[in-house]
N, C-alpha and C. Protein backbone atom coordinates (compact mmCIF):
# COMPACT_ATOMS: atom_id res chain seq x y z
N MET A 1 0.79 -1.32 0.03
CA MET A 1 0.13 0.14 -0.01
C MET A 1 0.83 1.26 0.08
N VAL A 2 1.94 1.21 0.60
CA VAL A 2 2.96 2.48 0.74
C VAL A 2 3.46 2.59 -0.67
N GLU A 3 3.87 1.69 -1.51
CA GLU A 3 4.28 1.74 -2.79
C GLU A 3 3.15 2.31 -3.65
N ARG A 4 1.93 1.82 -3.59
CA ARG A 4 0.87 2.57 -4.32
C ARG A 4 0.71 3.83 -4.13
N ALA A 5 0.88 4.29 -2.85
CA ALA A 5 0.57 5.64 -2.50
C ALA A 5 1.73 6.48 -3.09
N ASP A 6 3.02 5.99 -2.94
CA ASP A 6 4.16 6.57 -3.44
C ASP A 6 3.86 6.90 -5.00
N ARG A 7 3.39 6.02 -5.63
CA ARG A 7 3.31 5.99 -7.14
C ARG A 7 2.21 7.18 -7.39
N ALA A 8 1.17 7.26 -6.46
CA ALA A 8 0.06 8.27 -6.73
C ALA A 8 0.44 9.58 -6.38
N VAL A 9 1.52 9.84 -5.75
CA VAL A 9 1.85 11.13 -5.35
C VAL A 9 2.89 11.70 -6.14
N SER A 10 3.48 10.92 -6.97
CA SER A 10 4.59 11.33 -7.88
C SER A 10 4.46 10.92 -9.33
N ASP A 11 4.33 11.88 -10.25
CA ASP A 11 4.33 11.71 -11.72
C ASP A 11 5.57 12.09 -12.53
N ARG A 12 6.61 12.39 -11.86
CA ARG A 12 7.78 12.85 -12.45
C ARG A 12 8.96 11.74 -12.63
N GLY A 13 8.74 10.41 -12.27
CA GLY A 13 9.66 9.37 -12.27
C GLY A 13 10.62 9.47 -10.83
N PRO A 14 11.50 8.66 -11.06
CA PRO A 14 12.37 8.55 -9.82
C PRO A 14 13.47 9.66 -9.66
N THR A 15 13.41 9.83 -8.38
CA THR A 15 14.25 11.19 -7.98
C THR A 15 15.66 10.79 -7.39
N THR A 16 16.73 11.61 -7.41
CA THR A 16 18.12 11.35 -7.28
C THR A 16 18.44 12.40 -6.17
N ASP A 17 19.66 12.10 -5.45
CA ASP A 17 20.24 13.20 -4.47
C ASP A 17 21.21 13.97 -5.17
N ARG A 18 21.39 14.01 -6.51
CA ARG A 18 22.14 15.01 -6.96
C ARG A 18 21.83 16.31 -6.84
N ILE A 19 22.81 17.27 -6.69
CA ILE A 19 22.63 18.66 -6.31
C ILE A 19 23.04 19.37 -7.64
N LEU A 20 24.15 19.15 -8.22
CA LEU A 20 24.79 19.96 -9.25
C LEU A 20 24.26 19.43 -10.62
N THR A 21 23.00 19.89 -10.93
CA THR A 21 22.44 19.36 -12.29
C THR A 21 22.01 20.58 -12.97
N ILE A 22 21.93 20.56 -14.41
CA ILE A 22 21.43 21.70 -15.20
C ILE A 22 20.13 22.25 -14.83
N PRO A 23 19.14 21.42 -14.35
CA PRO A 23 17.91 21.92 -13.77
C PRO A 23 17.96 22.63 -12.53
N ASN A 24 18.86 22.04 -11.74
CA ASN A 24 18.95 22.80 -10.37
C ASN A 24 19.66 24.03 -10.54
N VAL A 25 20.64 24.09 -11.48
CA VAL A 25 21.22 25.47 -11.56
C VAL A 25 20.45 26.41 -12.23
N LEU A 26 19.42 26.11 -13.23
CA LEU A 26 18.40 26.94 -13.61
C LEU A 26 17.48 27.57 -12.60
N SER A 27 17.05 26.53 -11.78
CA SER A 27 16.14 26.91 -10.72
C SER A 27 17.07 28.03 -9.77
N PHE A 28 18.28 27.64 -9.51
CA PHE A 28 18.97 28.65 -8.63
C PHE A 28 18.97 29.92 -9.16
N LEU A 29 19.38 30.13 -10.57
CA LEU A 29 19.48 31.56 -11.27
C LEU A 29 18.12 32.16 -11.30
N ARG A 30 16.96 31.28 -11.32
CA ARG A 30 15.74 31.97 -11.27
C ARG A 30 15.41 32.68 -9.84
N LEU A 31 16.01 32.01 -8.70
CA LEU A 31 15.86 32.33 -7.42
C LEU A 31 16.82 33.83 -7.30
N VAL A 32 17.98 33.85 -7.94
CA VAL A 32 18.92 34.98 -7.99
C VAL A 32 18.07 36.05 -8.54
N GLY A 33 17.17 35.78 -9.52
CA GLY A 33 16.70 36.85 -10.22
C GLY A 33 15.58 37.43 -9.64
N VAL A 34 15.04 37.06 -8.54
CA VAL A 34 13.94 37.50 -7.77
C VAL A 34 14.14 38.94 -7.16
N PRO A 35 15.29 39.08 -6.51
CA PRO A 35 15.33 40.45 -6.07
C PRO A 35 15.52 41.44 -7.04
N VAL A 36 16.21 41.16 -8.08
CA VAL A 36 16.38 41.99 -9.26
C VAL A 36 15.12 42.41 -9.89
N PHE A 37 14.17 41.42 -9.90
CA PHE A 37 12.67 41.59 -10.47
C PHE A 37 11.99 42.53 -9.40
N LEU A 38 12.13 42.46 -8.14
CA LEU A 38 11.43 43.11 -7.12
C LEU A 38 11.78 44.54 -7.33
N TRP A 39 13.05 44.75 -7.47
CA TRP A 39 13.72 46.20 -7.59
C TRP A 39 13.30 46.88 -8.92
N ALA A 40 13.22 46.18 -9.76
CA ALA A 40 12.88 46.79 -11.18
C ALA A 40 11.41 47.10 -11.15
N ILE A 41 10.37 46.22 -10.67
CA ILE A 41 9.09 46.52 -10.71
C ILE A 41 8.85 47.65 -9.67
N LEU A 42 9.24 47.79 -8.59
CA LEU A 42 9.11 48.74 -7.52
C LEU A 42 9.51 50.16 -8.08
N THR A 43 10.55 50.26 -8.73
CA THR A 43 11.22 51.37 -9.14
C THR A 43 10.82 51.65 -10.68
N GLU A 44 9.85 51.05 -11.16
CA GLU A 44 9.29 51.10 -12.54
C GLU A 44 10.29 51.22 -13.60
N HIS A 45 11.28 50.31 -13.42
CA HIS A 45 12.20 49.82 -14.55
C HIS A 45 11.52 48.70 -15.27
N ASP A 46 10.42 49.04 -16.05
CA ASP A 46 9.39 47.90 -16.37
C ASP A 46 10.18 46.99 -17.41
N VAL A 47 11.23 47.68 -18.32
CA VAL A 47 11.86 46.77 -19.32
C VAL A 47 12.67 45.72 -18.59
N ILE A 48 13.56 46.07 -17.53
CA ILE A 48 14.33 45.15 -16.82
C ILE A 48 13.35 44.10 -16.13
N ALA A 49 12.21 44.59 -15.53
CA ALA A 49 11.18 43.86 -14.93
C ALA A 49 10.56 42.59 -15.95
N LEU A 50 10.15 42.98 -17.11
CA LEU A 50 9.92 42.31 -18.14
C LEU A 50 10.68 41.05 -18.61
N LEU A 51 11.92 41.58 -18.96
CA LEU A 51 12.91 40.67 -19.33
C LEU A 51 13.36 39.83 -18.21
N THR A 52 13.35 40.06 -16.91
CA THR A 52 13.66 39.04 -15.82
C THR A 52 12.56 38.08 -15.62
N LEU A 53 11.15 38.65 -15.84
CA LEU A 53 10.09 37.74 -15.90
C LEU A 53 10.11 36.67 -16.84
N MET A 54 10.41 37.27 -17.98
CA MET A 54 10.40 36.29 -19.27
C MET A 54 11.49 35.38 -19.11
N ALA A 55 12.57 35.79 -18.66
CA ALA A 55 13.68 34.88 -18.39
C ALA A 55 13.32 33.69 -17.48
N SER A 56 12.73 34.02 -16.48
CA SER A 56 12.20 33.12 -15.54
C SER A 56 11.17 32.20 -15.99
N GLY A 57 10.35 32.62 -16.80
CA GLY A 57 9.23 31.76 -17.48
C GLY A 57 10.02 30.73 -18.28
N VAL A 58 11.00 31.10 -19.21
CA VAL A 58 11.76 30.08 -20.09
C VAL A 58 12.57 29.26 -19.28
N SER A 59 13.30 29.77 -18.19
CA SER A 59 13.93 28.60 -17.38
C SER A 59 13.19 27.64 -16.46
N ASP A 60 11.98 28.27 -16.22
CA ASP A 60 10.96 27.35 -15.49
C ASP A 60 10.66 26.33 -16.47
N TYR A 61 10.23 26.54 -17.78
CA TYR A 61 10.08 25.44 -18.78
C TYR A 61 11.25 24.54 -19.00
N LEU A 62 12.49 24.93 -19.10
CA LEU A 62 13.46 24.23 -19.56
C LEU A 62 13.93 23.34 -18.55
N ASP A 63 13.90 23.99 -17.06
CA ASP A 63 14.49 22.97 -16.06
C ASP A 63 13.60 21.69 -15.93
N GLY A 64 12.27 21.93 -15.90
CA GLY A 64 11.34 20.69 -15.95
C GLY A 64 11.44 19.87 -17.22
N LYS A 65 11.53 20.33 -18.33
CA LYS A 65 11.86 19.47 -19.54
C LYS A 65 13.08 18.79 -19.54
N ILE A 66 14.15 19.65 -19.00
CA ILE A 66 15.45 18.80 -19.07
C ILE A 66 15.52 17.71 -18.02
N ALA A 67 14.96 17.95 -16.70
CA ALA A 67 14.90 17.00 -15.68
C ALA A 67 14.13 15.63 -16.09
N ARG A 68 13.10 15.94 -16.73
CA ARG A 68 12.20 14.77 -17.01
C ARG A 68 12.81 14.14 -18.21
N ARG A 69 13.39 14.76 -19.16
CA ARG A 69 13.91 14.19 -20.60
C ARG A 69 15.16 13.14 -20.04
N PHE A 70 16.07 13.73 -19.40
CA PHE A 70 17.33 13.06 -19.04
C PHE A 70 17.52 12.49 -17.73
N GLY A 71 16.34 12.33 -17.14
CA GLY A 71 16.25 11.68 -15.67
C GLY A 71 16.96 12.51 -14.78
N LEU A 72 16.89 13.63 -14.64
CA LEU A 72 17.72 14.45 -13.66
C LEU A 72 16.70 15.24 -12.59
N VAL A 73 15.63 14.40 -12.32
CA VAL A 73 14.67 14.80 -11.29
C VAL A 73 15.38 14.50 -9.91
N SER A 74 15.45 15.72 -9.31
CA SER A 74 16.19 15.37 -7.94
C SER A 74 15.44 16.04 -6.76
N ARG A 75 15.74 15.51 -5.41
CA ARG A 75 14.81 16.03 -4.43
C ARG A 75 15.29 17.69 -4.32
N VAL A 76 16.29 18.10 -4.46
CA VAL A 76 16.79 19.56 -4.29
C VAL A 76 15.89 20.27 -5.34
N GLY A 77 15.82 19.73 -6.69
CA GLY A 77 15.10 20.40 -7.59
C GLY A 77 13.52 20.47 -7.31
N GLU A 78 13.17 19.33 -6.49
CA GLU A 78 11.66 19.49 -6.21
C GLU A 78 11.36 20.51 -5.07
N LEU A 79 12.36 20.86 -4.42
CA LEU A 79 12.39 22.02 -3.52
C LEU A 79 12.57 23.55 -4.25
N LEU A 80 13.71 23.61 -4.99
CA LEU A 80 13.91 24.70 -5.52
C LEU A 80 12.97 25.22 -6.61
N ASP A 81 12.31 24.33 -7.45
CA ASP A 81 11.55 24.75 -8.47
C ASP A 81 10.26 25.40 -8.04
N PRO A 82 9.45 24.78 -7.13
CA PRO A 82 8.31 25.34 -6.63
C PRO A 82 8.73 26.57 -5.66
N LEU A 83 9.72 26.59 -4.88
CA LEU A 83 10.13 27.98 -4.44
C LEU A 83 10.44 29.07 -5.17
N ALA A 84 11.07 28.82 -6.25
CA ALA A 84 11.25 29.99 -7.17
C ALA A 84 10.06 30.29 -7.69
N ASP A 85 9.02 29.50 -8.10
CA ASP A 85 7.73 29.70 -8.88
C ASP A 85 7.05 30.83 -7.83
N ARG A 86 7.00 30.42 -6.36
CA ARG A 86 6.17 31.10 -5.52
C ARG A 86 6.79 32.43 -5.09
N LEU A 87 8.20 32.50 -5.10
CA LEU A 87 8.77 33.87 -4.96
C LEU A 87 8.52 34.86 -5.97
N TYR A 88 8.49 34.32 -7.30
CA TYR A 88 8.28 35.15 -8.36
C TYR A 88 6.79 35.69 -8.31
N ILE A 89 5.86 34.72 -7.96
CA ILE A 89 4.51 35.10 -8.00
C ILE A 89 4.19 36.05 -6.81
N ALA A 90 5.03 35.70 -5.81
CA ALA A 90 4.74 36.68 -4.55
C ALA A 90 5.16 38.08 -4.76
N THR A 91 6.37 38.10 -5.26
CA THR A 91 7.02 39.40 -5.51
C THR A 91 6.31 40.33 -6.70
N THR A 92 5.78 39.56 -7.67
CA THR A 92 4.90 40.14 -8.80
C THR A 92 3.73 40.64 -8.32
N LEU A 93 2.86 39.80 -7.43
CA LEU A 93 1.67 40.26 -7.00
C LEU A 93 1.98 41.58 -6.12
N PHE A 94 2.77 41.60 -5.20
CA PHE A 94 3.10 42.65 -4.16
C PHE A 94 3.59 43.98 -5.11
N GLY A 95 4.38 43.76 -6.11
CA GLY A 95 4.81 44.73 -7.04
C GLY A 95 3.78 45.46 -7.75
N LEU A 96 2.80 44.62 -8.54
CA LEU A 96 1.69 45.08 -9.09
C LEU A 96 0.58 45.75 -8.37
N ALA A 97 0.53 45.08 -7.06
CA ALA A 97 -0.53 45.73 -6.16
C ALA A 97 -0.06 46.98 -5.64
N TRP A 98 1.15 47.17 -5.32
CA TRP A 98 1.67 48.37 -4.92
C TRP A 98 1.65 49.43 -6.11
N ARG A 99 1.84 48.92 -7.33
CA ARG A 99 1.53 50.13 -8.32
C ARG A 99 0.04 50.25 -8.66
N GLU A 100 -0.83 49.56 -7.92
CA GLU A 100 -2.29 49.58 -8.08
C GLU A 100 -2.62 49.22 -9.54
N ILE A 101 -1.94 48.16 -10.18
CA ILE A 101 -2.20 47.63 -11.40
C ILE A 101 -3.22 46.18 -11.36
N ILE A 102 -3.10 45.70 -9.96
CA ILE A 102 -4.14 44.66 -9.66
C ILE A 102 -4.66 45.08 -8.17
N PRO A 103 -5.77 44.40 -8.08
CA PRO A 103 -6.38 44.93 -6.79
C PRO A 103 -5.80 43.92 -5.75
N TRP A 104 -5.83 44.30 -4.41
CA TRP A 104 -5.22 43.65 -3.28
C TRP A 104 -5.94 42.31 -2.87
N TRP A 105 -7.25 42.43 -3.31
CA TRP A 105 -8.05 41.13 -3.00
C TRP A 105 -7.57 39.96 -3.67
N LEU A 106 -7.08 40.26 -5.07
CA LEU A 106 -6.55 38.94 -5.74
C LEU A 106 -5.19 38.52 -5.09
N VAL A 107 -4.49 39.56 -4.65
CA VAL A 107 -3.26 39.20 -3.82
C VAL A 107 -3.69 38.27 -2.49
N ALA A 108 -4.70 38.52 -1.84
CA ALA A 108 -5.08 37.89 -0.77
C ALA A 108 -5.58 36.38 -1.30
N LEU A 109 -6.38 36.37 -2.48
CA LEU A 109 -6.84 35.23 -2.91
C LEU A 109 -5.68 34.14 -3.16
N LEU A 110 -4.69 34.75 -3.85
CA LEU A 110 -3.40 33.69 -4.17
C LEU A 110 -2.37 33.57 -3.00
N VAL A 111 -2.30 34.57 -2.29
CA VAL A 111 -1.40 34.16 -1.01
C VAL A 111 -2.46 33.25 0.06
N GLY A 112 -3.64 33.25 0.17
CA GLY A 112 -4.40 32.34 0.82
C GLY A 112 -4.16 31.02 0.44
N ARG A 113 -4.08 30.76 -0.76
CA ARG A 113 -3.64 29.41 -1.29
C ARG A 113 -2.41 28.82 -0.79
N GLU A 114 -1.29 30.02 -0.82
CA GLU A 114 -0.19 29.60 -0.27
C GLU A 114 -0.15 29.28 1.15
N LEU A 115 -0.82 30.02 1.88
CA LEU A 115 -0.86 29.60 3.40
C LEU A 115 -1.48 28.24 3.55
N LEU A 116 -2.62 27.83 2.85
CA LEU A 116 -3.17 26.61 2.95
C LEU A 116 -2.08 25.51 2.76
N LEU A 117 -1.41 25.79 1.57
CA LEU A 117 -0.41 24.77 1.19
C LEU A 117 0.79 24.79 2.13
N ALA A 118 1.05 25.77 2.91
CA ALA A 118 2.07 25.81 4.07
C ALA A 118 1.62 24.93 5.02
N VAL A 119 0.39 24.86 5.28
CA VAL A 119 -0.26 24.12 6.59
C VAL A 119 -0.02 22.55 6.07
N VAL A 120 -0.36 22.16 4.80
CA VAL A 120 -0.43 20.91 4.18
C VAL A 120 1.02 20.44 4.43
N LEU A 121 2.05 21.15 4.05
CA LEU A 121 3.26 20.97 4.06
C LEU A 121 3.85 20.49 5.48
N ALA A 122 3.30 21.49 6.48
CA ALA A 122 3.70 21.24 7.90
C ALA A 122 3.19 19.79 8.33
N VAL A 123 2.13 19.50 7.87
CA VAL A 123 1.40 18.15 8.31
C VAL A 123 2.33 17.01 7.80
N ILE A 124 2.55 17.02 6.53
CA ILE A 124 3.18 15.94 6.02
C ILE A 124 4.72 15.78 6.41
N ARG A 125 5.25 16.82 7.05
CA ARG A 125 6.69 16.78 7.61
C ARG A 125 6.71 15.99 8.75
N ARG A 126 5.49 16.00 9.51
CA ARG A 126 5.35 15.11 10.58
C ARG A 126 5.57 13.66 10.35
N TYR A 127 5.33 13.14 9.11
CA TYR A 127 5.36 12.05 8.64
C TYR A 127 6.60 11.56 7.62
N GLY A 128 7.75 12.65 7.91
CA GLY A 128 8.73 12.50 7.21
C GLY A 128 8.93 12.90 5.71
N GLN A 129 7.99 13.42 5.26
CA GLN A 129 7.84 13.96 3.98
C GLN A 129 8.22 15.42 3.73
N VAL A 130 9.23 15.59 3.15
CA VAL A 130 9.74 17.05 3.03
C VAL A 130 8.78 17.87 2.20
N GLY A 131 8.57 17.41 0.94
CA GLY A 131 7.69 18.17 0.11
C GLY A 131 6.78 17.33 -0.75
N LEU A 132 6.06 17.95 -1.72
CA LEU A 132 5.24 17.13 -2.57
C LEU A 132 5.62 17.18 -4.12
N PRO A 133 5.70 16.44 -4.94
CA PRO A 133 5.97 16.42 -6.36
C PRO A 133 5.11 17.57 -6.89
N VAL A 134 5.87 18.28 -7.87
CA VAL A 134 5.09 19.34 -8.62
C VAL A 134 4.27 18.47 -9.85
N HIS A 135 3.19 18.86 -10.02
CA HIS A 135 2.42 18.25 -11.04
C HIS A 135 1.80 19.05 -12.11
N PHE A 136 1.35 18.55 -13.03
CA PHE A 136 1.10 19.46 -14.36
C PHE A 136 0.24 20.39 -14.13
N VAL A 137 -0.75 20.32 -13.28
CA VAL A 137 -1.89 21.50 -13.05
C VAL A 137 -1.23 22.80 -12.19
N GLY A 138 -0.18 22.24 -11.38
CA GLY A 138 0.38 23.36 -10.71
C GLY A 138 1.28 24.03 -11.60
N LYS A 139 2.09 23.44 -12.44
CA LYS A 139 2.77 24.03 -13.39
C LYS A 139 2.03 24.91 -14.63
N ALA A 140 0.84 24.30 -14.85
CA ALA A 140 -0.14 25.05 -15.73
C ALA A 140 -0.63 26.37 -15.12
N ALA A 141 -0.74 26.32 -13.80
CA ALA A 141 -1.25 27.57 -13.12
C ALA A 141 -0.15 28.62 -12.93
N THR A 142 1.09 28.18 -12.85
CA THR A 142 2.25 29.15 -12.71
C THR A 142 2.53 29.60 -14.21
N PHE A 143 2.37 28.91 -15.21
CA PHE A 143 2.59 29.29 -16.60
C PHE A 143 1.78 30.40 -16.83
N ASN A 144 0.22 30.19 -16.45
CA ASN A 144 -0.71 31.30 -16.91
C ASN A 144 -0.53 32.60 -16.11
N LEU A 145 -0.11 32.31 -14.67
CA LEU A 145 0.21 33.58 -13.98
C LEU A 145 1.49 34.24 -14.15
N LEU A 146 2.49 33.46 -14.70
CA LEU A 146 3.69 34.14 -15.16
C LEU A 146 3.42 34.81 -16.66
N TYR A 147 2.53 34.40 -17.33
CA TYR A 147 2.25 35.09 -18.63
C TYR A 147 1.24 36.30 -18.37
N ALA A 148 0.49 36.17 -17.19
CA ALA A 148 -0.48 37.20 -16.96
C ALA A 148 0.18 38.44 -16.46
N PHE A 149 1.08 38.37 -15.58
CA PHE A 149 1.81 39.52 -15.01
C PHE A 149 2.42 40.45 -15.88
N PRO A 150 3.27 39.91 -16.90
CA PRO A 150 3.93 40.86 -17.67
C PRO A 150 2.74 41.47 -18.62
N LEU A 151 1.75 40.82 -19.00
CA LEU A 151 0.75 41.50 -20.03
C LEU A 151 0.15 42.59 -19.18
N LEU A 152 -0.34 42.13 -17.79
CA LEU A 152 -0.82 43.14 -17.06
C LEU A 152 0.09 44.50 -16.89
N LEU A 153 1.27 44.04 -16.79
CA LEU A 153 2.21 45.37 -16.67
C LEU A 153 2.22 46.08 -17.78
N LEU A 154 2.23 45.29 -18.99
CA LEU A 154 2.20 46.05 -20.21
C LEU A 154 0.90 46.78 -20.52
N GLY A 155 -0.08 46.19 -19.91
CA GLY A 155 -1.35 46.77 -20.19
C GLY A 155 -1.67 48.17 -19.33
N ASP A 156 -0.69 48.37 -18.56
CA ASP A 156 -0.77 49.60 -17.50
C ASP A 156 -0.31 51.00 -18.42
N GLY A 157 -1.26 51.31 -19.05
CA GLY A 157 -1.07 52.52 -20.12
C GLY A 157 -2.16 52.81 -20.85
N THR A 158 -2.04 53.82 -21.81
CA THR A 158 -3.18 54.29 -22.60
C THR A 158 -3.08 54.01 -24.09
N SER A 159 -2.02 53.22 -24.49
CA SER A 159 -1.63 52.90 -25.86
C SER A 159 -2.58 52.00 -26.41
N SER A 160 -2.77 51.76 -27.75
CA SER A 160 -3.46 50.60 -28.37
C SER A 160 -3.06 49.27 -27.83
N PHE A 161 -1.55 49.19 -27.75
CA PHE A 161 -1.14 47.93 -27.47
C PHE A 161 -1.33 47.60 -25.87
N ALA A 162 -1.44 48.69 -25.23
CA ALA A 162 -1.92 48.48 -23.66
C ALA A 162 -3.39 47.88 -23.55
N GLN A 163 -4.24 48.47 -24.39
CA GLN A 163 -5.64 48.04 -24.48
C GLN A 163 -5.82 46.71 -24.90
N TRP A 164 -4.87 46.25 -25.83
CA TRP A 164 -4.88 44.81 -26.32
C TRP A 164 -4.31 43.87 -25.12
N ALA A 165 -3.29 44.23 -24.48
CA ALA A 165 -2.56 43.49 -23.53
C ALA A 165 -3.33 43.26 -22.19
N GLN A 166 -4.03 44.29 -21.69
CA GLN A 166 -4.78 44.17 -20.62
C GLN A 166 -5.92 42.99 -20.46
N PRO A 167 -6.76 43.07 -21.32
CA PRO A 167 -7.70 41.89 -21.42
C PRO A 167 -7.14 40.46 -21.42
N ILE A 168 -6.26 40.37 -22.13
CA ILE A 168 -5.47 39.10 -22.41
C ILE A 168 -4.73 38.75 -20.94
N GLY A 169 -4.06 39.55 -20.50
CA GLY A 169 -3.47 39.48 -19.32
C GLY A 169 -4.52 39.18 -18.09
N TRP A 170 -5.43 39.75 -18.15
CA TRP A 170 -6.61 39.32 -17.10
C TRP A 170 -7.14 38.05 -17.41
N ALA A 171 -7.17 37.65 -18.61
CA ALA A 171 -7.75 36.19 -18.92
C ALA A 171 -6.65 35.03 -18.38
N PHE A 172 -5.54 35.44 -18.69
CA PHE A 172 -4.56 34.61 -18.24
C PHE A 172 -4.41 34.48 -16.54
N ALA A 173 -4.64 35.59 -15.91
CA ALA A 173 -4.77 35.88 -14.28
C ALA A 173 -5.84 34.97 -13.83
N TRP A 174 -7.00 35.09 -14.44
CA TRP A 174 -8.20 34.41 -14.02
C TRP A 174 -8.04 32.77 -14.03
N TRP A 175 -7.52 32.36 -15.22
CA TRP A 175 -7.17 31.02 -15.45
C TRP A 175 -6.04 30.55 -14.37
N GLY A 176 -5.20 31.26 -14.32
CA GLY A 176 -3.93 30.98 -13.34
C GLY A 176 -4.40 30.84 -12.18
N THR A 177 -5.44 31.84 -11.57
CA THR A 177 -5.90 31.76 -10.23
C THR A 177 -6.85 30.47 -9.92
N VAL A 178 -7.71 29.93 -10.84
CA VAL A 178 -8.56 29.15 -10.71
C VAL A 178 -7.71 27.73 -10.69
N LEU A 179 -6.64 27.64 -11.62
CA LEU A 179 -5.78 26.36 -11.72
C LEU A 179 -5.06 26.24 -10.43
N TYR A 180 -4.51 27.33 -10.02
CA TYR A 180 -3.72 27.53 -8.64
C TYR A 180 -4.28 26.77 -7.35
N TRP A 181 -5.75 27.10 -7.38
CA TRP A 181 -6.56 26.68 -6.21
C TRP A 181 -6.89 25.28 -6.50
N VAL A 182 -7.11 24.69 -7.93
CA VAL A 182 -7.31 23.44 -8.35
C VAL A 182 -5.99 22.46 -7.89
N ALA A 183 -4.84 23.03 -8.09
CA ALA A 183 -3.58 22.50 -7.83
C ALA A 183 -3.65 22.33 -6.43
N GLY A 184 -3.91 23.45 -5.56
CA GLY A 184 -4.00 23.21 -4.12
C GLY A 184 -4.77 22.04 -3.61
N VAL A 185 -5.87 22.03 -4.23
CA VAL A 185 -6.79 20.79 -3.83
C VAL A 185 -6.10 19.55 -4.06
N MET A 186 -5.52 19.33 -5.28
CA MET A 186 -4.72 18.20 -5.61
C MET A 186 -3.58 17.84 -4.61
N TYR A 187 -2.95 18.99 -4.07
CA TYR A 187 -1.92 18.75 -3.18
C TYR A 187 -2.45 18.09 -1.82
N ILE A 188 -3.49 18.71 -1.60
CA ILE A 188 -4.17 18.12 -0.26
C ILE A 188 -4.41 16.61 -0.51
N VAL A 189 -5.04 16.22 -1.72
CA VAL A 189 -5.40 14.76 -2.00
C VAL A 189 -3.93 13.93 -1.77
N GLN A 190 -2.89 14.50 -2.39
CA GLN A 190 -1.62 13.88 -2.26
C GLN A 190 -1.24 13.81 -0.72
N ALA A 191 -1.19 14.87 0.02
CA ALA A 191 -1.04 14.84 1.28
C ALA A 191 -1.72 13.78 2.09
N ARG A 192 -2.98 13.57 1.96
CA ARG A 192 -3.82 12.75 2.53
C ARG A 192 -3.41 11.20 2.16
N GLN A 193 -2.86 10.97 0.88
CA GLN A 193 -2.49 9.84 0.61
C GLN A 193 -1.18 9.48 1.22
N VAL A 194 -0.33 10.40 1.39
CA VAL A 194 1.03 10.23 2.18
C VAL A 194 0.72 9.91 3.60
N VAL A 195 -0.14 10.66 4.29
CA VAL A 195 -0.44 10.34 5.64
C VAL A 195 -1.17 8.98 5.64
N ALA A 196 -2.29 8.68 4.95
CA ALA A 196 -2.89 7.19 5.01
C ALA A 196 -1.91 6.15 4.91
N ALA A 197 -0.89 6.30 3.90
CA ALA A 197 0.25 5.26 3.66
C ALA A 197 1.07 5.04 4.76
N HIS A 198 1.34 6.22 5.36
CA HIS A 198 2.38 6.10 6.62
C HIS A 198 1.42 5.36 7.80
N ARG A 199 0.28 5.67 7.91
CA ARG A 199 -0.44 5.12 8.95
C ARG A 199 -0.84 3.59 8.88
N ALA A 200 -0.89 3.20 7.30
CA ALA A 200 -1.30 1.88 7.12
C ALA A 200 0.05 1.00 7.08
N ALA A 201 1.24 1.71 6.98
CA ALA A 201 2.44 0.84 7.08
C ALA A 201 2.60 0.14 8.17
N PRO A 202 2.99 -1.28 8.19
CA PRO A 202 3.43 -2.00 9.57
C PRO A 202 4.57 -1.44 10.26
N VAL A 203 4.32 -1.43 11.53
CA VAL A 203 5.39 -0.99 12.36
C VAL A 203 6.52 -1.94 12.51
N ARG A 204 7.77 -1.84 12.15
CA ARG A 204 8.75 -2.51 12.36
C ARG A 204 9.65 -2.38 13.73
N GLY A 205 9.41 -3.34 14.47
CA GLY A 205 10.17 -3.40 15.82
C GLY A 205 11.64 -3.84 15.75
């Protein structure tokens, strides 16, 4: 039963303990870009902010693709990748809300999901599980949000391009928000499987 639950909570193949891999380096570089992006968006250096966000989106796609294609999925990567995603989303939300491009209630909606996930992770740590594998819905949610934010930033103006970018940005934002919460529910299901597997496992004396 433990093996069946382990297969249910992971769809990314076997993981390794390797640290120095190309996907992990890409995830680390994305983390380094977070303070650069925050500085750029708060000081209205929008070109730098957009380029940093675009680079983050490309590296986010590449690290997962390379990890799965070449069997480089690692435990470190399973921590770094979602951490980088959440930091970019958090800093972008704060920056856009600070500049009044998005409402603060949207920030609360997305941050609320992160707080829920933090509780879930705290629960599974009691059973020896450090994190949960990133699944497709979670990556799709991040993909939508990371496309929404630059479009909303570009839509902050009066040009014809801004009028085109804003509604598309909001479409990505709403899809991303819905998928973000769907992914949160899926993480709760995964966590329940982890807890059930550990409780059902025979105690070795």
